[in-house]
PDB file of N, CA and C in Angstrom:
ATOM      1  N   MET A   1    -104.950-186.877-120.768  1.00  0.00           N
ATOM      2  CA  MET A   1    -105.809-187.679-119.912  1.00  0.00           C
ATOM      3  C   MET A   1    -107.044-188.026-120.542  1.00  0.00           C
ATOM      4  N   VAL A   2    -107.745-188.982-120.107  1.00  0.00           N
ATOM      5  CA  VAL A   2    -108.943-189.468-120.624  1.00  0.00           C
ATOM      6  C   VAL A   2    -110.205-188.838-120.042  1.00  0.00           C
ATOM      7  N   LYS A   3    -111.173-188.501-120.906  1.00  0.00           N
ATOM      8  CA  LYS A   3    -112.439-187.957-120.404  1.00  0.00           C
ATOM      9  C   LYS A   3    -113.015-188.854-119.380  1.00  0.00           C
ATOM     10  N   LYS A   4    -113.671-188.282-118.390  1.00  0.00           N
ATOM     11  CA  LYS A   4    -114.379-189.228-117.453  1.00  0.00           C
ATOM     12  C   LYS A   4    -115.528-189.903-118.099  1.00  0.00           C
ATOM     13  N   SER A   5    -116.198-189.265-119.057  1.00  0.00           N
ATOM     14  CA  SER A   5    -117.281-189.966-119.677  1.00  0.00           C
ATOM     15  C   SER A   5    -116.859-191.248-120.403  1.00  0.00           C
ATOM     16  N   LEU A   6    -115.567-191.141-120.943  1.00  0.00           N
ATOM     17  CA  LEU A   6    -115.179-192.437-121.591  1.00  0.00           C
ATOM     18  C   LEU A   6    -114.848-193.519-120.632  1.00  0.00           C
ATOM     19  N   ILE A   7    -114.368-193.070-119.503  1.00  0.00           N
ATOM     20  CA  ILE A   7    -114.039-194.144-118.409  1.00  0.00           C
ATOM     21  C   ILE A   7    -115.327-194.847-117.952  1.00  0.00           C
ATOM     22  N   HIS A   8    -116.315-193.964-117.762  1.00  0.00           N
ATOM     23  CA  HIS A   8    -117.619-194.553-117.270  1.00  0.00           C
ATOM     24  C   HIS A   8    -118.301-195.411-118.330  1.00  0.00           C
ATOM     25  N   ARG A   9    -118.124-195.004-119.586  1.00  0.00           N
ATOM     26  CA  ARG A   9    -118.609-195.794-120.719  1.00  0.00           C
ATOM     27  C   ARG A   9    -117.983-197.159-120.714  1.00  0.00           C
ATOM     28  N   GLU A  10    -116.669-197.278-120.523  1.00  0.00           N
ATOM     29  CA  GLU A  10    -115.952-198.534-120.489  1.00  0.00           C
ATOM     30  C   GLU A  10    -116.374-199.429-119.275  1.00  0.00           C
ATOM     31  N   LYS A  11    -116.513-198.624-118.166  1.00  0.00           N
ATOM     32  CA  LYS A  11    -116.946-199.552-116.915  1.00  0.00           C
ATOM     33  C   LYS A  11    -118.356-200.130-117.216  1.00  0.00           C
ATOM     34  N   LYS A  12    -119.260-199.330-117.840  1.00  0.00           N
ATOM     35  CA  LYS A  12    -120.570-199.873-118.127  1.00  0.00           C
ATOM     36  C   LYS A  12    -120.542-201.023-119.083  1.00  0.00           C
ATOM     37  N   ARG A  13    -119.650-201.017-120.107  1.00  0.00           N
ATOM     38  CA  ARG A  13    -119.545-202.008-121.032  1.00  0.00           C
ATOM     39  C   ARG A  13    -118.920-203.266-120.352  1.00  0.00           C
ATOM     40  N   GLN A  14    -117.952-203.030-119.397  1.00  0.00           N
ATOM     41  CA  GLN A  14    -117.486-204.249-118.690  1.00  0.00           C
ATOM     42  C   GLN A  14    -118.507-204.898-117.891  1.00  0.00           C
ATOM     43  N   GLU A  15    -119.327-204.085-117.121  1.00  0.00           N
ATOM     44  CA  GLU A  15    -120.503-204.731-116.351  1.00  0.00           C
ATOM     45  C   GLU A  15    -121.427-205.455-117.229  1.00  0.00           C
ATOM     46  N   LEU A  16    -121.806-204.858-118.341  1.00  0.00           N
ATOM     47  CA  LEU A  16    -122.778-205.566-119.296  1.00  0.00           C
ATOM     48  C   LEU A  16    -122.198-206.880-119.864  1.00  0.00           C
ATOM     49  N   GLU A  17    -120.800-206.734-120.104  1.00  0.00           N
ATOM     50  CA  GLU A  17    -120.242-207.976-120.589  1.00  0.00           C
ATOM     51  C   GLU A  17    -120.176-209.068-119.622  1.00  0.00           C
ATOM     52  N   GLN A  18    -119.974-208.859-118.366  1.00  0.00           N
ATOM     53  CA  GLN A  18    -119.972-209.869-117.277  1.00  0.00           C
ATOM     54  C   GLN A  18    -121.360-210.264-117.004  1.00  0.00           C
ATOM     55  N   LYS A  19    -122.292-209.421-117.112  1.00  0.00           N
ATOM     56  CA  LYS A  19    -123.678-209.798-116.859  1.00  0.00           C
ATOM     57  C   LYS A  19    -124.206-210.819-117.876  1.00  0.00           C
ATOM     58  N   TYR A  20    -123.865-210.610-119.184  1.00  0.00           N
ATOM     59  CA  TYR A  20    -124.514-211.333-120.222  1.00  0.00           C
ATOM     60  C   TYR A  20    -123.546-212.372-120.766  1.00  0.00           C
ATOM     61  N   HIS A  21    -122.354-212.535-120.212  1.00  0.00           N
ATOM     62  CA  HIS A  21    -121.311-213.580-120.737  1.00  0.00           C
ATOM     63  C   HIS A  21    -121.953-214.962-120.814  1.00  0.00           C
ATOM     64  N   LEU A  22    -122.533-215.464-119.649  1.00  0.00           N
ATOM     65  CA  LEU A  22    -122.945-216.821-119.689  1.00  0.00           C
ATOM     66  C   LEU A  22    -124.174-217.013-120.731  1.00  0.00           C
ATOM     67  N   ILE A  23    -125.104-215.987-120.784  1.00  0.00           N
ATOM     68  CA  ILE A  23    -126.237-216.067-121.755  1.00  0.00           C
ATOM     69  C   ILE A  23    -125.669-216.115-123.183  1.00  0.00           C
ATOM     70  N   ARG A  24    -124.670-215.358-123.536  1.00  0.00           N
ATOM     71  CA  ARG A  24    -124.138-215.281-124.867  1.00  0.00           C
ATOM     72  C   ARG A  24    -123.517-216.681-125.190  1.00  0.00           C
ATOM     73  N   ARG A  25    -122.681-217.145-124.260  1.00  0.00           N
ATOM     74  CA  ARG A  25    -122.055-218.406-124.451  1.00  0.00           C
ATOM     75  C   ARG A  25    -122.994-219.559-124.640  1.00  0.00           C
ATOM     76  N   SER A  26    -124.034-219.685-123.773  1.00  0.00           N
ATOM     77  CA  SER A  26    -124.984-220.778-123.896  1.00  0.00           C
ATOM     78  C   SER A  26    -125.699-220.628-125.227  1.00  0.00           C
ATOM     79  N   SER A  27    -125.978-219.392-125.644  1.00  0.00           N
ATOM     80  CA  SER A  27    -126.801-219.337-126.856  1.00  0.00           C
ATOM     81  C   SER A  27    -125.895-219.663-127.949  1.00  0.00           C
ATOM     82  N   LYS A  28    -124.721-219.401-128.032  1.00  0.00           N
ATOM     83  CA  LYS A  28    -123.805-219.753-129.142  1.00  0.00           C
ATOM     84  C   LYS A  28    -123.659-221.335-129.195  1.00  0.00           C
ATOM     85  N   LYS A  29    -123.577-221.906-127.975  1.00  0.00           N
ATOM     86  CA  LYS A  29    -123.466-223.472-127.964  1.00  0.00           C
ATOM     87  C   LYS A  29    -124.714-224.008-128.566  1.00  0.00           C
ATOM     88  N   GLU A  30    -125.902-223.479-128.153  1.00  0.00           N
ATOM     89  CA  GLU A  30    -127.090-224.112-128.694  1.00  0.00           C
ATOM     90  C   GLU A  30    -127.360-223.842-130.223  1.00  0.00           C
ATOM     91  N   ILE A  31    -126.729-222.819-130.607  1.00  0.00           N
ATOM     92  CA  ILE A  31    -126.830-222.499-132.218  1.00  0.00           C
ATOM     93  C   ILE A  31    -126.133-223.599-132.815  1.00  0.00           C
ATOM     94  N   SER A  32    -124.896-224.046-132.332  1.00  0.00           N
ATOM     95  CA  SER A  32    -124.057-225.015-133.061  1.00  0.00           C
ATOM     96  C   SER A  32    -124.662-226.455-132.861  1.00  0.00           C
ATOM     97  N   LYS A  33    -125.320-226.631-131.849  1.00  0.00           N
ATOM     98  CA  LYS A  33    -125.941-227.987-131.639  1.00  0.00           C
ATOM     99  C   LYS A  33    -127.205-228.223-132.383  1.00  0.00           C
ATOM    100  N   VAL A  34    -128.036-227.114-132.672  1.00  0.00           N
ATOM    101  CA  VAL A  34    -129.351-227.357-133.190  1.00  0.00           C
ATOM    102  C   VAL A  34    -129.071-227.673-134.749  1.00  0.00           C
ATOM    103  N   PRO A  35    -129.734-228.656-135.354  1.00  0.00           N
ATOM    104  CA  PRO A  35    -129.721-228.929-136.678  1.00  0.00           C
ATOM    105  C   PRO A  35    -130.574-228.130-137.756  1.00  0.00           C
ATOM    106  N   SER A  36    -131.754-227.732-137.261  1.00  0.00           N
ATOM    107  CA  SER A  36    -132.731-227.069-138.206  1.00  0.00           C
ATOM    108  C   SER A  36    -132.422-225.589-138.190  1.00  0.00           C
ATOM    109  N   LEU A  37    -132.697-224.992-139.308  1.00  0.00           N
ATOM    110  CA  LEU A  37    -132.271-223.651-139.516  1.00  0.00           C
ATOM    111  C   LEU A  37    -133.273-222.701-138.725  1.00  0.00           C
ATOM    112  N   SER A  38    -134.461-222.980-138.688  1.00  0.00           N
ATOM    113  CA  SER A  38    -135.488-222.148-137.997  1.00  0.00           C
ATOM    114  C   SER A  38    -135.144-222.077-136.632  1.00  0.00           C
ATOM    115  N   GLU A  39    -134.678-223.128-135.902  1.00  0.00           N
ATOM    116  CA  GLU A  39    -134.326-223.106-134.556  1.00  0.00           C
ATOM    117  C   GLU A  39    -133.090-222.208-134.352  1.00  0.00           C
ATOM    118  N   LYS A  40    -132.085-222.249-135.285  1.00  0.00           N
ATOM    119  CA  LYS A  40    -130.903-221.476-135.269  1.00  0.00           C
ATOM    120  C   LYS A  40    -131.293-219.995-135.333  1.00  0.00           C
ATOM    121  N   TRP A  41    -132.260-219.742-136.144  1.00  0.00           N
ATOM    122  CA  TRP A  41    -132.711-218.280-136.256  1.00  0.00           C
ATOM    123  C   TRP A  41    -133.356-217.715-134.975  1.00  0.00           C
ATOM    124  N   LYS A  42    -134.031-218.701-134.273  1.00  0.00           N
ATOM    125  CA  LYS A  42    -134.655-218.351-133.026  1.00  0.00           C
ATOM    126  C   LYS A  42    -133.572-217.947-131.882  1.00  0.00           C
ATOM    127  N   PHE A  43    -132.597-218.722-131.856  1.00  0.00           N
ATOM    128  CA  PHE A  43    -131.375-218.430-130.927  1.00  0.00           C
ATOM    129  C   PHE A  43    -130.560-217.225-131.339  1.00  0.00           C
ATOM    130  N   HIS A  44    -130.545-217.098-132.744  1.00  0.00           N
ATOM    131  CA  HIS A  44    -129.833-215.980-133.208  1.00  0.00           C
ATOM    132  C   HIS A  44    -130.561-214.611-132.878  1.00  0.00           C
ATOM    133  N   GLY A  45    -131.783-214.711-132.894  1.00  0.00           N
ATOM    134  CA  GLY A  45    -132.736-213.551-132.549  1.00  0.00           C
ATOM    135  C   GLY A  45    -132.490-213.127-131.010  1.00  0.00           C
ATOM    136  N   LYS A  46    -132.398-214.290-130.158  1.00  0.00           N
ATOM    137  CA  LYS A  46    -132.121-214.016-128.814  1.00  0.00           C
ATOM    138  C   LYS A  46    -130.798-213.303-128.654  1.00  0.00           C
ATOM    139  N   LEU A  47    -129.754-213.768-129.401  1.00  0.00           N
ATOM    140  CA  LEU A  47    -128.502-212.985-129.204  1.00  0.00           C
ATOM    141  C   LEU A  47    -128.704-211.539-129.758  1.00  0.00           C
ATOM    142  N   GLN A  48    -129.418-211.247-130.763  1.00  0.00           N
ATOM    143  CA  GLN A  48    -129.486-209.963-131.332  1.00  0.00           C
ATOM    144  C   GLN A  48    -130.467-209.033-130.337  1.00  0.00           C
ATOM    145  N   SER A  49    -131.328-209.588-129.716  1.00  0.00           N
ATOM    146  CA  SER A  49    -132.178-208.810-128.729  1.00  0.00           C
ATOM    147  C   SER A  49    -131.446-208.290-127.574  1.00  0.00           C
ATOM    148  N   SER A  50    -130.375-208.873-127.129  1.00  0.00           N
ATOM    149  CA  SER A  50    -129.620-208.377-125.994  1.00  0.00           C
ATOM    150  C   SER A  50    -128.885-207.108-126.305  1.00  0.00           C
ATOM    151  N   PRO A  51    -128.531-206.420-125.348  1.00  0.00           N
ATOM    152  CA  PRO A  51    -127.812-205.102-125.541  1.00  0.00           C
ATOM    153  C   PRO A  51    -126.531-205.246-126.346  1.00  0.00           C
ATOM    154  N   ARG A  52    -126.259-204.306-127.230  1.00  0.00           N
ATOM    155  CA  ARG A  52    -125.284-204.358-128.135  1.00  0.00           C
ATOM    156  C   ARG A  52    -123.888-204.371-127.481  1.00  0.00           C
ATOM    157  N   ASN A  53    -123.717-203.582-126.460  1.00  0.00           N
ATOM    158  CA  ASN A  53    -122.423-203.388-125.734  1.00  0.00           C
ATOM    159  C   ASN A  53    -122.164-204.499-124.818  1.00  0.00           C
ATOM    160  N   ASN A  54    -122.882-205.659-124.884  1.00  0.00           N
ATOM    161  CA  ASN A  54    -122.523-206.704-123.906  1.00  0.00           C
ATOM    162  C   ASN A  54    -121.491-207.714-124.497  1.00  0.00           C
ATOM    163  N   ALA A  55    -121.122-207.520-125.716  1.00  0.00           N
ATOM    164  CA  ALA A  55    -120.114-208.257-126.459  1.00  0.00           C
ATOM    165  C   ALA A  55    -118.716-207.970-125.991  1.00  0.00           C
ATOM    166  N   ALA A  56    -117.874-208.935-125.763  1.00  0.00           N
ATOM    167  CA  ALA A  56    -116.468-208.681-125.399  1.00  0.00           C
ATOM    168  C   ALA A  56    -115.777-207.928-126.509  1.00  0.00           C
ATOM    169  N   THR A  57    -116.138-207.871-127.688  1.00  0.00           N
ATOM    170  CA  THR A  57    -115.422-207.204-128.825  1.00  0.00           C
ATOM    171  C   THR A  57    -115.601-205.699-128.715  1.00  0.00           C
ATOM    172  N   HIS A  58    -116.478-205.264-127.877  1.00  0.00           N
ATOM    173  CA  HIS A  58    -116.856-203.809-127.824  1.00  0.00           C
ATOM    174  C   HIS A  58    -115.897-203.204-126.542  1.00  0.00           C
ATOM    175  N   LEU A  59    -115.203-204.109-125.842  1.00  0.00           N
ATOM    176  CA  LEU A  59    -114.266-203.659-124.866  1.00  0.00           C
ATOM    177  C   LEU A  59    -112.917-203.221-125.396  1.00  0.00           C
ATOM    178  N   HIS A  60    -112.428-202.202-124.720  1.00  0.00           N
ATOM    179  CA  HIS A  60    -111.049-201.720-125.158  1.00  0.00           C
ATOM    180  C   HIS A  60    -110.132-201.893-124.085  1.00  0.00           C
ATOM    181  N   ARG A  61    -108.981-202.454-124.341  1.00  0.00           N
ATOM    182  CA  ARG A  61    -107.947-202.506-123.245  1.00  0.00           C
ATOM    183  C   ARG A  61    -107.295-201.179-123.077  1.00  0.00           C
ATOM    184  N   ARG A  62    -107.060-200.756-121.891  1.00  0.00           N
ATOM    185  CA  ARG A  62    -106.425-199.466-121.723  1.00  0.00           C
ATOM    186  C   ARG A  62    -105.219-199.644-120.850  1.00  0.00           C
ATOM    187  N   CYS A  63    -104.337-198.720-120.948  1.00  0.00           N
ATOM    188  CA  CYS A  63    -103.044-198.713-120.160  1.00  0.00           C
ATOM    189  C   CYS A  63    -103.473-198.415-118.818  1.00  0.00           C
ATOM    190  N   PHE A  64    -102.870-199.133-117.798  1.00  0.00           N
ATOM    191  CA  PHE A  64    -103.005-199.108-116.453  1.00  0.00           C
ATOM    192  C   PHE A  64    -102.739-197.660-115.826  1.00  0.00           C
ATOM    193  N   LEU A  65    -101.702-197.086-116.330  1.00  0.00           N
ATOM    194  CA  LEU A  65    -101.295-195.743-115.897  1.00  0.00           C
ATOM    195  C   LEU A  65    -101.896-194.564-116.589  1.00  0.00           C
ATOM    196  N   THR A  66    -101.844-194.573-117.874  1.00  0.00           N
ATOM    197  CA  THR A  66    -102.155-193.463-118.677  1.00  0.00           C
ATOM    198  C   THR A  66    -103.629-193.543-119.274  1.00  0.00           C
ATOM    199  N   ARG A  67    -104.265-194.638-119.174  1.00  0.00           N
ATOM    200  CA  ARG A  67    -105.537-195.060-119.668  1.00  0.00           C
ATOM    201  C   ARG A  67    -105.650-194.773-121.236  1.00  0.00           C
ATOM    202  N   ARG A  68    -104.443-194.948-121.908  1.00  0.00           N
ATOM    203  CA  ARG A  68    -104.361-194.885-123.352  1.00  0.00           C
ATOM    204  C   ARG A  68    -104.906-196.130-124.028  1.00  0.00           C
ATOM    205  N   PRO A  69    -105.821-195.906-124.942  1.00  0.00           N
ATOM    206  CA  PRO A  69    -106.498-197.154-125.518  1.00  0.00           C
ATOM    207  C   PRO A  69    -105.681-197.935-126.625  1.00  0.00           C
ATOM    208  N   ARG A  70    -104.685-197.306-127.079  1.00  0.00           N
ATOM    209  CA  ARG A  70    -103.946-197.974-128.124  1.00  0.00           C
ATOM    210  C   ARG A  70    -102.534-198.533-127.656  1.00  0.00           C
ATOM    211  N   ALA A  71    -102.012-199.379-128.416  1.00  0.00           N
ATOM    212  CA  ALA A  71    -100.669-199.897-128.275  1.00  0.00           C
ATOM    213  C   ALA A  71    -100.473-200.523-126.980  1.00  0.00           C
ATOM    214  N   ASN A  72    -101.346-201.409-126.500  1.00  0.00           N
ATOM    215  CA  ASN A  72    -101.282-201.948-124.983  1.00  0.00           C
ATOM    216  C   ASN A  72    -100.785-203.425-125.297  1.00  0.00           C
ATOM    217  N   TYR A  73    -100.064-203.718-124.324  1.00  0.00           N
ATOM    218  CA  TYR A  73     -99.483-205.037-124.114  1.00  0.00           C
ATOM    219  C   TYR A  73    -100.304-205.878-123.150  1.00  0.00           C
ATOM    220  N   ARG A  74    -100.917-206.951-123.493  1.00  0.00           N
ATOM    221  CA  ARG A  74    -101.799-207.677-122.642  1.00  0.00           C
ATOM    222  C   ARG A  74    -101.065-208.205-121.440  1.00  0.00           C
ATOM    223  N   ASP A  75     -99.815-208.685-121.590  1.00  0.00           N
ATOM    224  CA  ASP A  75     -99.068-209.242-120.539  1.00  0.00           C
ATOM    225  C   ASP A  75     -98.830-208.251-119.370  1.00  0.00           C
ATOM    226  N   PHE A  76     -98.720-207.021-119.720  1.00  0.00           N
ATOM    227  CA  PHE A  76     -98.285-206.073-118.627  1.00  0.00           C
ATOM    228  C   PHE A  76     -99.474-205.109-118.346  1.00  0.00           C
ATOM    229  N   GLY A  77    -100.396-204.878-119.298  1.00  0.00           N
ATOM    230  CA  GLY A  77    -101.554-204.037-119.167  1.00  0.00           C
ATOM    231  C   GLY A  77    -101.050-202.509-119.283  1.00  0.00           C
ATOM    232  N   LEU A  78     -99.936-202.292-120.011  1.00  0.00           N
ATOM    233  CA  LEU A  78     -99.309-200.930-120.179  1.00  0.00           C
ATOM    234  C   LEU A  78     -99.196-200.638-121.591  1.00  0.00           C
ATOM    235  N   SER A  79     -99.091-199.386-121.880  1.00  0.00           N
ATOM    236  CA  SER A  79     -98.991-198.927-123.290  1.00  0.00           C
ATOM    237  C   SER A  79     -97.527-199.061-123.699  1.00  0.00           C
ATOM    238  N   GLY A  80     -97.237-199.037-124.904  1.00  0.00           N
ATOM    239  CA  GLY A  80     -95.896-199.229-125.405  1.00  0.00           C
ATOM    240  C   GLY A  80     -94.839-198.410-124.887  1.00  0.00           C
ATOM    241  N   HIS A  81     -95.130-197.119-124.848  1.00  0.00           N
ATOM    242  CA  HIS A  81     -93.989-196.100-124.424  1.00  0.00           C
ATOM    243  C   HIS A  81     -93.827-196.196-122.897  1.00  0.00           C
ATOM    244  N   ILE A  82     -94.905-196.487-122.063  1.00  0.00           N
ATOM    245  CA  ILE A  82     -94.755-196.559-120.709  1.00  0.00           C
ATOM    246  C   ILE A  82     -94.001-197.857-120.386  1.00  0.00           C
ATOM    247  N   LEU A  83     -94.316-198.922-121.133  1.00  0.00           N
ATOM    248  CA  LEU A  83     -93.529-200.220-120.872  1.00  0.00           C
ATOM    249  C   LEU A  83     -92.062-199.893-121.252  1.00  0.00           C
ATOM    250  N   HIS A  84     -91.671-199.165-122.287  1.00  0.00           N
ATOM    251  CA  HIS A  84     -90.416-198.902-122.637  1.00  0.00           C
ATOM    252  C   HIS A  84     -89.801-198.141-121.571  1.00  0.00           C
ATOM    253  N   GLU A  85     -90.330-197.179-120.986  1.00  0.00           N
ATOM    254  CA  GLU A  85     -89.784-196.357-119.965  1.00  0.00           C
ATOM    255  C   GLU A  85     -89.500-197.185-118.725  1.00  0.00           C
ATOM    256  N   MET A  86     -90.364-198.020-118.283  1.00  0.00           N
ATOM    257  CA  MET A  86     -90.359-198.826-117.153  1.00  0.00           C
ATOM    258  C   MET A  86     -89.216-199.902-117.407  1.00  0.00           C
ATOM    259  N   VAL A  87     -89.090-200.503-118.560  1.00  0.00           N
ATOM    260  CA  VAL A  87     -88.055-201.425-118.764  1.00  0.00           C
ATOM    261  C   VAL A  87     -86.663-200.764-118.608  1.00  0.00           C
ATOM    262  N   HIS A  88     -86.480-199.538-119.220  1.00  0.00           N
ATOM    263  CA  HIS A  88     -85.199-198.860-119.153  1.00  0.00           C
ATOM    264  C   HIS A  88     -84.899-198.421-117.612  1.00  0.00           C
ATOM    265  N   ALA A  89     -86.001-198.264-116.990  1.00  0.00           N
ATOM    266  CA  ALA A  89     -85.656-197.769-115.475  1.00  0.00           C
ATOM    267  C   ALA A  89     -85.528-198.960-114.741  1.00  0.00           C
ATOM    268  N   CYS A  90     -85.528-200.317-115.190  1.00  0.00           N
ATOM    269  CA  CYS A  90     -85.491-201.595-114.519  1.00  0.00           C
ATOM    270  C   CYS A  90     -86.550-201.730-113.501  1.00  0.00           C
ATOM    271  N   LEU A  91     -87.769-201.277-113.738  1.00  0.00           N
ATOM    272  CA  LEU A  91     -88.803-201.404-112.831  1.00  0.00           C
ATOM    273  C   LEU A  91     -89.678-202.664-113.003  1.00  0.00           C
ATOM    274  N   LEU A  92     -89.552-203.327-114.127  1.00  0.00           N
ATOM    275  CA  LEU A  92     -90.254-204.566-114.444  1.00  0.00           C
ATOM    276  C   LEU A  92     -89.318-205.801-114.273  1.00  0.00           C
ATOM    277  N   MET A  93     -89.660-206.634-113.410  1.00  0.00           N
ATOM    278  CA  MET A  93     -88.839-207.805-113.194  1.00  0.00           C
ATOM    279  C   MET A  93     -88.946-208.732-114.363  1.00  0.00           C
ATOM    280  N   GLY A  94     -87.878-209.452-114.745  1.00  0.00           N
ATOM    281  CA  GLY A  94     -87.888-210.491-115.722  1.00  0.00           C
ATOM    282  C   GLY A  94     -87.959-209.970-117.201  1.00  0.00           C
ATOM    283  N   VAL A  95     -87.886-208.715-117.314  1.00  0.00           N
ATOM    284  CA  VAL A  95     -87.857-208.181-118.840  1.00  0.00           C
ATOM    285  C   VAL A  95     -86.483-207.689-119.058  1.00  0.00           C
ATOM    286  N   THR A  96     -85.899-208.039-120.086  1.00  0.00           N
ATOM    287  CA  THR A  96     -84.658-207.518-120.504  1.00  0.00           C
ATOM    288  C   THR A  96     -84.759-206.676-121.792  1.00  0.00           C
ATOM    289  N   ARG A  97     -83.799-205.702-121.856  1.00  0.00           N
ATOM    290  CA  ARG A  97     -83.678-204.911-123.046  1.00  0.00           C
ATOM    291  C   ARG A  97     -82.965-205.681-124.079  1.00  0.00           C
ATOM    292  N   SER A  98     -83.341-205.433-125.393  1.00  0.00           N
ATOM    293  CA  SER A  98     -82.503-206.103-126.346  1.00  0.00           C
ATOM    294  C   SER A  98     -81.478-205.222-126.835  1.00  0.00           C
ATOM    295  N   SER A  99     -80.295-205.866-126.968  1.00  0.00           N
ATOM    296  CA  SER A  99     -79.193-204.965-127.431  1.00  0.00           C
ATOM    297  C   SER A  99     -78.665-205.577-128.725  1.00  0.00           C
ATOM    298  N   TRP A 100     -78.802-204.811-129.861  1.00  0.00           N
ATOM    299  CA  TRP A 100     -78.416-205.212-131.132  1.00  0.00           C
ATOM    300  C   TRP A 100     -77.216-204.422-131.535  1.00  0.00           C
TER     301      TRP A 100
END
């Protein structure tokens, strides 16, 4: 099981990412539109001054059932071995096992 502190840290990162999403996106658009280098540095400083954990790259996808941070499938939100178990138990609709 995952420590509760890690779960709370992830929730905090998700909230920060949602809060600063529009600000980051608009700053990046303005950086690409501005021709002068000094103005680009100004907008870049604005991005740097915001909290570090507000970027989407700091988020980790976790398994819905086990909260495992690795080997996750985006389509299902499950880790690899849980997905494998559910497919073999015929619990996921539309997923077929490969038979070689």
